[in-house]
Amino acid sequence: MRIKFLSIFAAVSLLAACETAPTETSNVESTGVKTDAVSTSPSNPTTIVPGSSEDFAANVTDRVFFAFDSFSLDEKARRILKNQASWLRKYPATMVTLEGHCDTVGTREYNMALGERRANAVKDYLISLGSDPSHITTTSYGEERPINKGTTKKDQAAGNRRSVTVIN
């Protein structure tokens, strides 16, 4: 009898030792689908730090788009860049890189040059709005980093002709 009791006690102890506490919670909606929940671990904060790249992404659009074979800023691009310039003035120590991108129409060399002109057009406009030129660098990726890899004219126009503002 004593051996049976010790065996049961050992089995229960072994099972209890295997249990681990969950690090995050999950919610199940009434449909039975699991939804993501916020982790309570310190490595996953629930608030956005003002002046961070997350703050920029959440509160300011980071990209402007261009017409085919153009580096001219349209009205929509200017509105977006006004918001970016305002945010950059609010956080004057922020360093940014402006990335120029193109579609795959034209030679690689031509697209690298066009991407550079697009990034510089954005830089010049941000500077005209009061952004610190010493905090802005430019680079061109030409056609090397497309968002849409399709080959039709519609695919090429879908997001590839752009400049992206990256917080360093």
Protein backbone atom coordinates (compact mmCIF):
# COMPACT_ATOMS: atom_id res chain seq x y z
CA MET A 1 0.00 0.00 0.00
CA ARG A 2 2.80 2.36 0.90
CA ILE A 3 4.52 1.75 -2.47
CA LYS A 4 1.28 2.51 -4.37
CA PHE A 5 0.91 5.77 -2.45
CA LEU A 6 4.53 6.76 -3.16
CA SER A 7 4.14 5.87 -6.84
CA ILE A 8 1.02 8.02 -7.18
CA PHE A 9 2.67 10.88 -5.29
CA ALA A 10 5.77 10.65 -7.54
CA ALA A 11 3.63 10.68 -10.70
CA VAL A 12 1.64 13.73 -9.55
CA SER A 13 4.84 15.55 -8.56
CA LEU A 14 6.39 14.78 -11.94
CA LEU A 15 3.36 16.13 -13.80
CA ALA A 16 3.25 19.26 -11.64
CA ALA A 17 6.93 19.94 -12.33
CA CYS A 18 6.31 19.89 -16.09
CA GLU A 19 3.73 22.67 -16.01
CA THR A 20 4.96 26.11 -17.12
CA ALA A 21 3.28 29.46 -16.74
CA PRO A 22 2.08 31.08 -19.99
CA THR A 23 3.96 34.21 -21.13
CA GLU A 24 1.07 35.71 -23.01
CA THR A 25 -2.65 35.53 -23.03
CA SER A 26 -4.85 34.78 -25.97
CA ASN A 27 -8.43 35.57 -26.64
CA VAL A 28 -10.92 33.42 -28.45
CA GLU A 29 -13.71 35.33 -30.10
CA SER A 30 -17.23 33.99 -30.12
CA THR A 31 -16.51 32.57 -33.59
CA GLY A 32 -13.86 30.32 -32.09
CA VAL A 33 -11.03 32.11 -33.87
CA LYS A 34 -7.99 32.92 -31.77
CA THR A 35 -7.03 36.59 -31.81
CA ASP A 36 -3.62 38.00 -31.01
CA ALA A 37 -3.22 39.47 -27.59
CA VAL A 38 -0.59 41.78 -26.21
CA SER A 39 2.21 40.04 -24.41
CA THR A 40 2.91 41.17 -20.90
CA SER A 41 6.65 40.58 -21.22
CA PRO A 42 9.02 43.55 -20.90
CA SER A 43 10.38 42.92 -24.41
CA ASN A 44 6.99 43.77 -25.92
CA PRO A 45 5.93 47.19 -24.64
CA THR A 46 2.36 48.25 -25.25
CA THR A 47 3.10 51.95 -25.77
CA ILE A 48 4.82 53.72 -28.64
CA VAL A 49 7.79 55.88 -27.67
CA PRO A 50 7.40 59.44 -28.99
CA GLY A 51 10.05 60.25 -31.58
CA SER A 52 10.69 56.60 -32.45
CA SER A 53 10.42 54.96 -35.85
CA GLU A 54 7.25 53.28 -34.56
CA ASP A 55 5.82 56.71 -33.71
CA PHE A 56 6.68 57.94 -37.21
CA ALA A 57 5.08 54.89 -38.83
CA ALA A 58 1.95 55.17 -36.68
CA ASN A 59 1.42 58.91 -37.08
CA VAL A 60 3.03 59.93 -40.39
CA THR A 61 2.97 58.30 -43.82
CA ASP A 62 6.52 57.22 -44.68
CA ARG A 63 6.27 57.14 -48.49
CA VAL A 64 5.33 59.24 -51.45
CA PHE A 65 4.66 58.02 -54.98
CA PHE A 66 5.67 59.31 -58.39
CA ALA A 67 4.31 59.19 -61.92
CA PHE A 68 6.05 57.15 -64.62
CA ASP A 69 9.55 58.45 -65.42
CA SER A 70 9.09 61.42 -63.06
CA PHE A 71 10.59 62.86 -59.91
CA SER A 72 8.05 65.68 -59.58
CA LEU A 73 6.05 65.91 -56.37
CA ASP A 74 2.30 66.08 -56.82
CA GLU A 75 -0.10 67.70 -54.33
CA LYS A 76 -0.67 64.48 -52.39
CA ALA A 77 3.08 63.95 -52.02
CA ARG A 78 3.51 67.54 -50.79
CA ARG A 79 0.80 67.04 -48.14
CA ILE A 80 2.51 63.88 -46.91
CA LEU A 81 5.90 65.60 -46.84
CA LYS A 82 4.46 68.55 -44.90
CA ASN A 83 3.39 66.07 -42.22
CA GLN A 84 6.83 64.45 -42.28
CA ALA A 85 8.57 67.84 -41.97
CA SER A 86 6.34 68.78 -39.05
CA TRP A 87 7.18 65.51 -37.28
CA LEU A 88 10.91 65.98 -37.98
CA ARG A 89 10.83 69.53 -36.56
CA LYS A 90 9.13 68.14 -33.45
CA TYR A 91 12.01 65.65 -33.05
CA PRO A 92 15.02 67.66 -34.30
CA ALA A 93 17.67 65.06 -33.35
CA THR A 94 16.11 62.48 -35.68
CA MET A 95 18.22 61.27 -38.60
CA VAL A 96 16.49 59.98 -41.73
CA THR A 97 17.43 58.25 -44.95
CA LEU A 98 15.35 58.90 -48.05
CA GLU A 99 15.21 55.88 -50.33
CA GLY A 100 14.45 56.37 -54.02
CA HIS A 101 12.78 53.45 -55.83
CA CYS A 102 11.70 52.76 -59.43
CA ASP A 103 9.90 50.20 -61.52
CA THR A 104 11.78 47.87 -63.88
CA VAL A 105 11.11 49.87 -67.03
CA GLY A 106 14.42 51.19 -68.38
CA THR A 107 18.01 50.20 -67.72
CA ARG A 108 19.39 49.53 -64.26
CA GLU A 109 21.65 52.60 -64.52
CA TYR A 110 18.79 54.86 -65.58
CA ASN A 111 16.61 53.63 -62.72
CA MET A 112 19.39 54.14 -60.16
CA ALA A 113 19.71 57.75 -61.35
CA LEU A 114 15.93 58.26 -61.33
CA GLY A 115 15.69 56.81 -57.81
CA GLU A 116 18.37 59.27 -56.69
CA ARG A 117 16.48 62.19 -58.28
CA ARG A 118 13.30 61.08 -56.48
CA ALA A 119 15.07 60.89 -53.11
CA ASN A 120 16.68 64.30 -53.71
CA ALA A 121 13.34 65.86 -54.70
CA VAL A 122 11.92 64.72 -51.36
CA LYS A 123 15.02 65.95 -49.51
CA ASP A 124 14.86 69.38 -51.16
CA TYR A 125 11.18 69.75 -50.29
CA LEU A 126 11.70 68.67 -46.65
CA ILE A 127 14.55 71.18 -46.35
CA SER A 128 12.36 73.92 -47.83
CA LEU A 129 9.86 73.14 -45.04
CA GLY A 130 12.48 73.61 -42.32
CA SER A 131 14.03 70.16 -41.91
CA ASP A 132 17.74 70.09 -41.01
CA PRO A 133 19.73 69.11 -44.13
CA SER A 134 22.51 67.59 -42.01
CA HIS A 135 20.01 65.04 -40.66
CA ILE A 136 18.91 63.80 -44.09
CA THR A 137 20.76 61.35 -46.33
CA THR A 138 19.60 59.87 -49.60
CA THR A 139 20.12 56.57 -51.35
CA SER A 140 18.77 54.99 -54.50
CA TYR A 141 17.75 51.40 -54.87
CA GLY A 142 16.53 51.90 -58.43
CA GLU A 143 14.56 48.82 -59.39
CA GLU A 144 16.29 46.55 -56.83
CA ARG A 145 13.56 46.55 -54.14
CA PRO A 146 10.15 46.45 -55.80
CA ILE A 147 6.98 46.21 -53.74
CA ASN A 148 5.11 44.70 -56.66
CA LYS A 149 7.13 42.24 -58.76
CA GLY A 150 4.55 41.90 -61.52
CA THR A 151 5.47 42.65 -65.12
CA THR A 152 2.40 44.44 -66.47
CA LYS A 153 2.22 48.23 -66.66
CA LYS A 154 -0.40 48.19 -63.90
CA ASP A 155 1.87 46.05 -61.70
CA GLN A 156 4.82 48.36 -62.32
CA ALA A 157 2.80 51.41 -61.29
CA ALA A 158 1.54 49.74 -58.10
CA GLY A 159 3.88 51.12 -55.47
CA ASN A 160 7.27 50.71 -57.12
CA ARG A 161 7.69 54.37 -58.12
CA ARG A 162 8.27 55.82 -54.67
CA SER A 163 10.46 57.45 -52.07
CA VAL A 164 10.48 56.02 -48.55
CA THR A 165 11.53 57.98 -45.46
CA VAL A 166 13.35 55.69 -43.02
CA ILE A 167 14.06 56.78 -39.45
CA ASN A 168 17.66 55.85 -38.54
